[in-house]
């Protein structure tokens, strides 16, 4: 009887040790996902910010056929011409994202990189190649993590219609206004079309679509924030009205 009891106790002890080990592994995994990945992105964002600041400070040789940017601080009508966007190298930073609604989120506004591959999104929010660039007619599509790697889009469920979203590029401030938010399946690629939902339509508006996982800690769905450009201003003067007071 005692031998049977010893076997049972040994078995239970083994099960207990296994569960403890699995628990420790899960804790380490959670620590890595929620803490270590954030440090990785924080380092990358610091590097990207320095690189972008240095690059934007360099003089630009413009082609004689390019439109001359308007005087600093002069608003450009949403349907009018804006400074020609420049194609970007994958993994490089090219814009800074600010959203007044999110308050102190803007204390360290994220640099947007070109590309949405695994390595690109470890650096920060990414721009889907072959979608419009800021200021262009069509659909600028950005994607970002919600819970890991800095979680740049973590608070996007707080955004409401009418909220401003500002993209800063080398020469311009582009202000977009949120028009809608929706939750879709990960397969709903139609939200990224130049005219969302209609692959064959010709775009006439300057749109912005931002995508992230939903709900938090899950990739089961996608949260989609849609916006339309309402203002474009050359840099050099005061910050856009939407950012004043931040």
C-alpha atoms as a PDB file:
ATOM      1  CA  UNK A   1       0.000   0.000   0.000  1.00  0.00           C
ATOM      2  CA  UNK A   2       2.798   2.348   0.925  1.00  0.00           C
ATOM      3  CA  UNK A   3       4.611   1.492  -2.299  1.00  0.00           C
ATOM      4  CA  UNK A   4       1.488   2.448  -4.254  1.00  0.00           C
ATOM      5  CA  UNK A   5       1.281   5.669  -2.292  1.00  0.00           C
ATOM      6  CA  UNK A   6       4.911   6.439  -3.090  1.00  0.00           C
ATOM      7  CA  UNK A   7       4.260   5.926  -6.799  1.00  0.00           C
ATOM      8  CA  UNK A   8       1.253   8.244  -6.686  1.00  0.00           C
ATOM      9  CA  UNK A   9       3.167  10.887  -4.755  1.00  0.00           C
ATOM     10  CA  UNK A  10       6.096  10.640  -7.170  1.00  0.00           C
ATOM     11  CA  UNK A  11       3.736  10.985 -10.115  1.00  0.00           C
ATOM     12  CA  UNK A  12       1.989  13.986  -8.610  1.00  0.00           C
ATOM     13  CA  UNK A  13       5.333  15.576  -7.797  1.00  0.00           C
ATOM     14  CA  UNK A  14       6.420  15.082 -11.404  1.00  0.00           C
ATOM     15  CA  UNK A  15       3.199  16.624 -12.702  1.00  0.00           C
ATOM     16  CA  UNK A  16       3.613  19.543 -10.314  1.00  0.00           C
ATOM     17  CA  UNK A  17       7.191  20.167 -11.409  1.00  0.00           C
ATOM     18  CA  UNK A  18       6.137  20.034 -15.051  1.00  0.00           C
ATOM     19  CA  UNK A  19       3.362  22.569 -14.450  1.00  0.00           C
ATOM     20  CA  UNK A  20       5.754  24.870 -12.591  1.00  0.00           C
ATOM     21  CA  UNK A  21       8.246  24.632 -15.464  1.00  0.00           C
ATOM     22  CA  UNK A  22       5.526  25.387 -18.018  1.00  0.00           C
ATOM     23  CA  UNK A  23       4.382  28.320 -15.908  1.00  0.00           C
ATOM     24  CA  UNK A  24       7.899  29.739 -15.784  1.00  0.00           C
ATOM     25  CA  UNK A  25       8.257  29.314 -19.543  1.00  0.00           C
ATOM     26  CA  UNK A  26       4.979  31.172 -20.083  1.00  0.00           C
ATOM     27  CA  UNK A  27       6.078  33.962 -17.741  1.00  0.00           C
ATOM     28  CA  UNK A  28       9.369  34.311 -19.602  1.00  0.00           C
ATOM     29  CA  UNK A  29       7.514  34.351 -22.921  1.00  0.00           C
ATOM     30  CA  UNK A  30       5.135  37.060 -21.693  1.00  0.00           C
ATOM     31  CA  UNK A  31       8.064  39.073 -20.319  1.00  0.00           C
ATOM     32  CA  UNK A  32       9.815  38.843 -23.684  1.00  0.00           C
ATOM     33  CA  UNK A  33       6.704  39.745 -25.685  1.00  0.00           C
ATOM     34  CA  UNK A  34       5.616  42.650 -23.510  1.00  0.00           C
ATOM     35  CA  UNK A  35       8.944  44.055 -22.291  1.00  0.00           C
ATOM     36  CA  UNK A  36      11.927  42.942 -24.363  1.00  0.00           C
ATOM     37  CA  UNK A  37      10.243  43.604 -27.715  1.00  0.00           C
ATOM     38  CA  UNK A  38       9.375  47.111 -26.522  1.00  0.00           C
ATOM     39  CA  UNK A  39      13.045  47.758 -25.779  1.00  0.00           C
ATOM     40  CA  UNK A  40      13.956  46.566 -29.285  1.00  0.00           C
ATOM     41  CA  UNK A  41      11.528  49.027 -30.857  1.00  0.00           C
ATOM     42  CA  UNK A  42      12.523  51.846 -28.509  1.00  0.00           C
ATOM     43  CA  UNK A  43      16.133  51.468 -29.639  1.00  0.00           C
ATOM     44  CA  UNK A  44      15.138  51.328 -33.311  1.00  0.00           C
ATOM     45  CA  UNK A  45      12.871  54.364 -32.994  1.00  0.00           C
ATOM     46  CA  UNK A  46      15.683  56.344 -31.386  1.00  0.00           C
ATOM     47  CA  UNK A  47      17.985  55.461 -34.259  1.00  0.00           C
ATOM     48  CA  UNK A  48      15.336  56.241 -36.889  1.00  0.00           C
ATOM     49  CA  UNK A  49      14.559  59.606 -35.296  1.00  0.00           C
ATOM     50  CA  UNK A  50      18.228  60.604 -35.374  1.00  0.00           C
ATOM     51  CA  UNK A  51      18.615  59.466 -38.986  1.00  0.00           C
ATOM     52  CA  UNK A  52      15.443  61.234 -40.104  1.00  0.00           C
ATOM     53  CA  UNK A  53      16.379  64.474 -38.356  1.00  0.00           C
ATOM     54  CA  UNK A  54      19.811  64.449 -40.005  1.00  0.00           C
ATOM     55  CA  UNK A  55      18.416  63.570 -43.427  1.00  0.00           C
ATOM     56  CA  UNK A  56      15.736  66.246 -43.305  1.00  0.00           C
ATOM     57  CA  UNK A  57      18.360  68.840 -42.386  1.00  0.00           C
ATOM     58  CA  UNK A  58      20.276  68.185 -45.609  1.00  0.00           C
ATOM     59  CA  UNK A  59      19.569  70.436 -48.623  1.00  0.00           C
ATOM     60  CA  UNK A  60      17.584  68.806 -51.412  1.00  0.00           C
ATOM     61  CA  UNK A  61      18.408  69.113 -55.097  1.00  0.00           C
ATOM     62  CA  UNK A  62      15.045  69.369 -56.876  1.00  0.00           C
ATOM     63  CA  UNK A  63      14.324  68.434 -60.464  1.00  0.00           C
ATOM     64  CA  UNK A  64      13.267  71.463 -62.514  1.00  0.00           C
ATOM     65  CA  UNK A  65      10.044  69.666 -63.453  1.00  0.00           C
ATOM     66  CA  UNK A  66       8.957  69.213 -59.820  1.00  0.00           C
ATOM     67  CA  UNK A  67       6.381  71.639 -58.404  1.00  0.00           C
ATOM     68  CA  UNK A  68       7.920  74.241 -56.134  1.00  0.00           C
ATOM     69  CA  UNK A  69       6.578  73.866 -52.579  1.00  0.00           C
ATOM     70  CA  UNK A  70       4.367  76.698 -51.385  1.00  0.00           C
ATOM     71  CA  UNK A  71       5.716  79.193 -48.879  1.00  0.00           C
ATOM     72  CA  UNK A  72       6.049  77.822 -45.340  1.00  0.00           C
ATOM     73  CA  UNK A  73       2.764  77.814 -43.467  1.00  0.00           C
ATOM     74  CA  UNK A  74       0.655  78.380 -46.595  1.00  0.00           C
ATOM     75  CA  UNK A  75      -2.247  75.895 -46.598  1.00  0.00           C
ATOM     76  CA  UNK A  76      -2.728  73.790 -49.712  1.00  0.00           C
ATOM     77  CA  UNK A  77      -6.278  72.839 -50.620  1.00  0.00           C
ATOM     78  CA  UNK A  78      -6.931  69.079 -50.227  1.00  0.00           C
ATOM     79  CA  UNK A  79      -7.586  68.758 -53.951  1.00  0.00           C
ATOM     80  CA  UNK A  80      -4.703  70.969 -55.040  1.00  0.00           C
ATOM     81  CA  UNK A  81      -1.100  70.072 -55.946  1.00  0.00           C
ATOM     82  CA  UNK A  82       1.325  69.199 -53.170  1.00  0.00           C
ATOM     83  CA  UNK A  83       5.069  68.554 -53.099  1.00  0.00           C
ATOM     84  CA  UNK A  84       5.789  65.366 -55.018  1.00  0.00           C
ATOM     85  CA  UNK A  85       6.258  62.389 -52.663  1.00  0.00           C
ATOM     86  CA  UNK A  86       9.453  60.382 -52.958  1.00  0.00           C
ATOM     87  CA  UNK A  87       9.620  56.579 -53.079  1.00  0.00           C
ATOM     88  CA  UNK A  88      11.225  55.110 -49.975  1.00  0.00           C
ATOM     89  CA  UNK A  89      13.673  52.294 -49.284  1.00  0.00           C
ATOM     90  CA  UNK A  90      12.260  49.338 -47.368  1.00  0.00           C
ATOM     91  CA  UNK A  91      12.935  49.601 -43.650  1.00  0.00           C
ATOM     92  CA  UNK A  92      13.806  53.303 -43.745  1.00  0.00           C
ATOM     93  CA  UNK A  93      11.915  56.000 -41.862  1.00  0.00           C
ATOM     94  CA  UNK A  94      10.177  58.670 -43.912  1.00  0.00           C
ATOM     95  CA  UNK A  95       7.384  60.229 -41.842  1.00  0.00           C
ATOM     96  CA  UNK A  96       6.352  60.989 -38.264  1.00  0.00           C
ATOM     97  CA  UNK A  97       2.832  60.245 -37.022  1.00  0.00           C
ATOM     98  CA  UNK A  98       0.964  62.422 -34.509  1.00  0.00           C
ATOM     99  CA  UNK A  99      -2.593  62.058 -33.193  1.00  0.00           C
ATOM    100  CA  UNK A 100      -3.775  64.825 -30.824  1.00  0.00           C
ATOM    101  CA  UNK A 101      -6.603  62.681 -29.395  1.00  0.00           C
ATOM    102  CA  UNK A 102      -4.004  60.381 -27.810  1.00  0.00           C
ATOM    103  CA  UNK A 103      -2.396  63.096 -25.664  1.00  0.00           C
ATOM    104  CA  UNK A 104       0.927  61.979 -24.138  1.00  0.00           C
ATOM    105  CA  UNK A 105       1.237  59.285 -26.825  1.00  0.00           C
ATOM    106  CA  UNK A 106       2.628  62.187 -28.864  1.00  0.00           C
ATOM    107  CA  UNK A 107       5.501  62.837 -26.444  1.00  0.00           C
ATOM    108  CA  UNK A 108       7.551  60.391 -28.529  1.00  0.00           C
ATOM    109  CA  UNK A 109       5.665  60.263 -31.836  1.00  0.00           C
ATOM    110  CA  UNK A 110       6.517  57.176 -33.880  1.00  0.00           C
ATOM    111  CA  UNK A 111       8.589  57.284 -37.034  1.00  0.00           C
ATOM    112  CA  UNK A 112       6.821  55.458 -39.864  1.00  0.00           C
ATOM    113  CA  UNK A 113       8.988  53.072 -41.887  1.00  0.00           C
ATOM    114  CA  UNK A 114       8.532  51.822 -45.416  1.00  0.00           C
ATOM    115  CA  UNK A 115       7.361  48.204 -45.438  1.00  0.00           C
ATOM    116  CA  UNK A 116       5.226  45.936 -43.287  1.00  0.00           C
ATOM    117  CA  UNK A 117       7.406  42.830 -43.144  1.00  0.00           C
ATOM    118  CA  UNK A 118       8.186  41.227 -39.790  1.00  0.00           C
ATOM    119  CA  UNK A 119      11.493  43.086 -39.458  1.00  0.00           C
ATOM    120  CA  UNK A 120       9.985  46.390 -40.593  1.00  0.00           C
ATOM    121  CA  UNK A 121       7.223  46.330 -37.961  1.00  0.00           C
ATOM    122  CA  UNK A 122       9.765  45.613 -35.235  1.00  0.00           C
ATOM    123  CA  UNK A 123      11.040  49.141 -35.883  1.00  0.00           C
ATOM    124  CA  UNK A 124       7.660  50.866 -35.723  1.00  0.00           C
ATOM    125  CA  UNK A 125       4.491  51.379 -37.746  1.00  0.00           C
ATOM    126  CA  UNK A 126       4.940  50.573 -41.418  1.00  0.00           C
ATOM    127  CA  UNK A 127       3.646  51.870 -44.739  1.00  0.00           C
ATOM    128  CA  UNK A 128       2.371  49.239 -47.157  1.00  0.00           C
ATOM    129  CA  UNK A 129       4.449  49.550 -50.355  1.00  0.00           C
ATOM    130  CA  UNK A 130       2.533  50.373 -53.533  1.00  0.00           C
ATOM    131  CA  UNK A 131      -0.160  52.234 -51.607  1.00  0.00           C
ATOM    132  CA  UNK A 132      -0.252  56.023 -51.834  1.00  0.00           C
ATOM    133  CA  UNK A 133       2.365  58.133 -50.081  1.00  0.00           C
ATOM    134  CA  UNK A 134       1.288  60.997 -47.792  1.00  0.00           C
ATOM    135  CA  UNK A 135      -0.440  63.728 -49.786  1.00  0.00           C
ATOM    136  CA  UNK A 136      -1.050  61.597 -52.866  1.00  0.00           C
ATOM    137  CA  UNK A 137      -4.450  60.845 -54.332  1.00  0.00           C
ATOM    138  CA  UNK A 138      -5.331  57.301 -53.313  1.00  0.00           C
ATOM    139  CA  UNK A 139      -5.042  55.460 -50.020  1.00  0.00           C
ATOM    140  CA  UNK A 140      -2.054  55.756 -47.675  1.00  0.00           C
ATOM    141  CA  UNK A 141      -2.096  52.482 -45.705  1.00  0.00           C
ATOM    142  CA  UNK A 142      -0.225  52.137 -42.404  1.00  0.00           C
ATOM    143  CA  UNK A 143      -0.015  49.062 -40.185  1.00  0.00           C
ATOM    144  CA  UNK A 144       1.307  48.722 -36.649  1.00  0.00           C
ATOM    145  CA  UNK A 145       1.467  46.440 -33.630  1.00  0.00           C
ATOM    146  CA  UNK A 146      -1.039  46.805 -30.833  1.00  0.00           C
ATOM    147  CA  UNK A 147       0.573  44.863 -27.988  1.00  0.00           C
ATOM    148  CA  UNK A 148       4.247  44.182 -28.787  1.00  0.00           C
ATOM    149  CA  UNK A 149       7.234  45.981 -30.323  1.00  0.00           C
ATOM    150  CA  UNK A 150       6.326  49.326 -28.791  1.00  0.00           C
ATOM    151  CA  UNK A 151       2.594  48.798 -29.426  1.00  0.00           C
ATOM    152  CA  UNK A 152       2.362  52.035 -31.463  1.00  0.00           C
ATOM    153  CA  UNK A 153      -1.302  51.436 -32.347  1.00  0.00           C
ATOM    154  CA  UNK A 154      -2.343  50.219 -28.888  1.00  0.00           C
ATOM    155  CA  UNK A 155      -4.822  53.038 -28.221  1.00  0.00           C
ATOM    156  CA  UNK A 156      -6.378  53.256 -31.654  1.00  0.00           C
ATOM    157  CA  UNK A 157      -9.716  52.023 -30.322  1.00  0.00           C
ATOM    158  CA  UNK A 158     -10.013  55.486 -28.702  1.00  0.00           C
ATOM    159  CA  UNK A 159     -10.114  57.314 -32.044  1.00  0.00           C
ATOM    160  CA  UNK A 160     -13.403  58.896 -33.114  1.00  0.00           C
ATOM    161  CA  UNK A 161     -14.765  60.486 -36.306  1.00  0.00           C
ATOM    162  CA  UNK A 162     -13.470  64.037 -36.571  1.00  0.00           C
ATOM    163  CA  UNK A 163     -10.159  63.317 -34.821  1.00  0.00           C
ATOM    164  CA  UNK A 164      -7.056  64.703 -36.527  1.00  0.00           C
ATOM    165  CA  UNK A 165      -4.192  62.491 -37.697  1.00  0.00           C
ATOM    166  CA  UNK A 166      -1.064  64.379 -38.784  1.00  0.00           C
ATOM    167  CA  UNK A 167       1.736  62.973 -40.924  1.00  0.00           C
ATOM    168  CA  UNK A 168       4.957  64.986 -41.046  1.00  0.00           C
ATOM    169  CA  UNK A 169       7.287  64.427 -43.993  1.00  0.00           C
ATOM    170  CA  UNK A 170      10.471  66.213 -44.997  1.00  0.00           C
ATOM    171  CA  UNK A 171       8.704  69.210 -46.529  1.00  0.00           C
ATOM    172  CA  UNK A 172       5.070  68.965 -45.521  1.00  0.00           C
ATOM    173  CA  UNK A 173       2.471  68.569 -42.809  1.00  0.00           C
ATOM    174  CA  UNK A 174      -0.516  66.484 -43.915  1.00  0.00           C
ATOM    175  CA  UNK A 175      -3.604  66.603 -41.712  1.00  0.00           C
ATOM    176  CA  UNK A 176      -6.197  63.863 -42.103  1.00  0.00           C
ATOM    177  CA  UNK A 177      -9.565  63.638 -40.361  1.00  0.00           C
ATOM    178  CA  UNK A 178     -10.909  60.329 -39.077  1.00  0.00           C
ATOM    179  CA  UNK A 179     -14.118  59.393 -40.885  1.00  0.00           C
ATOM    180  CA  UNK A 180     -14.804  55.880 -39.636  1.00  0.00           C
ATOM    181  CA  UNK A 181     -13.572  52.894 -37.645  1.00  0.00           C
ATOM    182  CA  UNK A 182     -14.528  49.278 -38.204  1.00  0.00           C
ATOM    183  CA  UNK A 183     -13.527  45.754 -37.274  1.00  0.00           C
ATOM    184  CA  UNK A 184     -12.934  43.323 -40.120  1.00  0.00           C
ATOM    185  CA  UNK A 185     -11.480  39.885 -40.779  1.00  0.00           C
ATOM    186  CA  UNK A 186      -7.718  39.654 -41.473  1.00  0.00           C
ATOM    187  CA  UNK A 187      -8.611  38.646 -45.040  1.00  0.00           C
ATOM    188  CA  UNK A 188     -10.465  41.908 -45.769  1.00  0.00           C
ATOM    189  CA  UNK A 189      -7.732  43.319 -48.016  1.00  0.00           C
ATOM    190  CA  UNK A 190     -10.262  45.529 -49.779  1.00  0.00           C
ATOM    191  CA  UNK A 191      -9.739  48.174 -47.087  1.00  0.00           C
ATOM    192  CA  UNK A 192      -6.290  48.810 -48.581  1.00  0.00           C
ATOM    193  CA  UNK A 193      -7.512  49.496 -52.136  1.00  0.00           C
ATOM    194  CA  UNK A 194      -7.014  53.042 -53.543  1.00  0.00           C
ATOM    195  CA  UNK A 195     -10.800  53.289 -53.258  1.00  0.00           C
ATOM    196  CA  UNK A 196     -11.525  51.041 -50.274  1.00  0.00           C
ATOM    197  CA  UNK A 197     -13.950  48.272 -51.172  1.00  0.00           C
ATOM    198  CA  UNK A 198     -13.759  48.826 -54.941  1.00  0.00           C
ATOM    199  CA  UNK A 199     -10.725  47.432 -56.746  1.00  0.00           C
ATOM    200  CA  UNK A 200     -11.780  48.866 -60.112  1.00  0.00           C
ATOM    201  CA  UNK A 201     -12.635  52.424 -59.095  1.00  0.00           C
ATOM    202  CA  UNK A 202     -10.402  55.388 -59.918  1.00  0.00           C
ATOM    203  CA  UNK A 203      -9.356  57.264 -56.771  1.00  0.00           C
ATOM    204  CA  UNK A 204     -10.163  60.957 -56.490  1.00  0.00           C
ATOM    205  CA  UNK A 205      -9.603  61.503 -52.766  1.00  0.00           C
ATOM    206  CA  UNK A 206      -6.543  61.549 -50.539  1.00  0.00           C
ATOM    207  CA  UNK A 207      -7.259  58.865 -47.958  1.00  0.00           C
ATOM    208  CA  UNK A 208      -5.463  57.314 -45.002  1.00  0.00           C
ATOM    209  CA  UNK A 209      -6.139  53.831 -43.622  1.00  0.00           C
ATOM    210  CA  UNK A 210      -4.494  52.549 -40.438  1.00  0.00           C
ATOM    211  CA  UNK A 211      -4.739  48.882 -39.462  1.00  0.00           C
ATOM    212  CA  UNK A 212      -3.907  46.932 -36.309  1.00  0.00           C
ATOM    213  CA  UNK A 213      -4.854  43.680 -34.599  1.00  0.00           C
ATOM    214  CA  UNK A 214      -8.074  43.314 -32.637  1.00  0.00           C
ATOM    215  CA  UNK A 215      -8.805  42.639 -29.843  1.00  0.00           C
ATOM    216  CA  UNK A 216      -5.675  43.267 -27.788  1.00  0.00           C
ATOM    217  CA  UNK A 217      -3.422  40.198 -27.447  1.00  0.00           C
ATOM    218  CA  UNK A 218      -5.137  38.583 -30.435  1.00  0.00           C
ATOM    219  CA  UNK A 219      -4.781  38.590 -34.217  1.00  0.00           C
ATOM    220  CA  UNK A 220      -8.289  37.254 -34.759  1.00  0.00           C
ATOM    221  CA  UNK A 221      -9.557  40.502 -36.312  1.00  0.00           C
ATOM    222  CA  UNK A 222      -8.331  43.836 -37.625  1.00  0.00           C
ATOM    223  CA  UNK A 223      -9.245  47.285 -36.339  1.00  0.00           C
ATOM    224  CA  UNK A 224      -9.421  49.715 -39.254  1.00  0.00           C
ATOM    225  CA  UNK A 225      -9.241  53.496 -38.876  1.00  0.00           C
ATOM    226  CA  UNK A 226     -10.212  55.452 -42.002  1.00  0.00           C
ATOM    227  CA  UNK A 227      -9.414  59.128 -42.584  1.00  0.00           C
ATOM    228  CA  UNK A 228      -9.394  61.731 -45.355  1.00  0.00           C
ATOM    229  CA  UNK A 229      -6.915  64.547 -45.921  1.00  0.00           C
ATOM    230  CA  UNK A 230      -8.301  67.975 -45.035  1.00  0.00           C
ATOM    231  CA  UNK A 231      -5.175  70.135 -45.050  1.00  0.00           C
ATOM    232  CA  UNK A 232      -1.620  70.169 -46.399  1.00  0.00           C
ATOM    233  CA  UNK A 233       0.923  72.758 -45.267  1.00  0.00           C
ATOM    234  CA  UNK A 234       4.579  73.269 -46.209  1.00  0.00           C
ATOM    235  CA  UNK A 235       6.872  73.136 -43.193  1.00  0.00           C
ATOM    236  CA  UNK A 236       8.806  76.112 -41.931  1.00  0.00           C
ATOM    237  CA  UNK A 237       6.054  78.092 -40.269  1.00  0.00           C
ATOM    238  CA  UNK A 238       3.863  77.327 -37.286  1.00  0.00           C
ATOM    239  CA  UNK A 239       2.802  73.766 -36.564  1.00  0.00           C
ATOM    240  CA  UNK A 240      -0.558  72.690 -37.992  1.00  0.00           C
ATOM    241  CA  UNK A 241      -3.599  73.929 -36.093  1.00  0.00           C
ATOM    242  CA  UNK A 242      -4.381  70.349 -35.051  1.00  0.00           C
ATOM    243  CA  UNK A 243      -1.060  70.113 -33.181  1.00  0.00           C
ATOM    244  CA  UNK A 244      -1.140  73.473 -31.435  1.00  0.00           C
ATOM    245  CA  UNK A 245      -1.548  72.944 -27.722  1.00  0.00           C
ATOM    246  CA  UNK A 246       0.059  69.502 -27.641  1.00  0.00           C
END
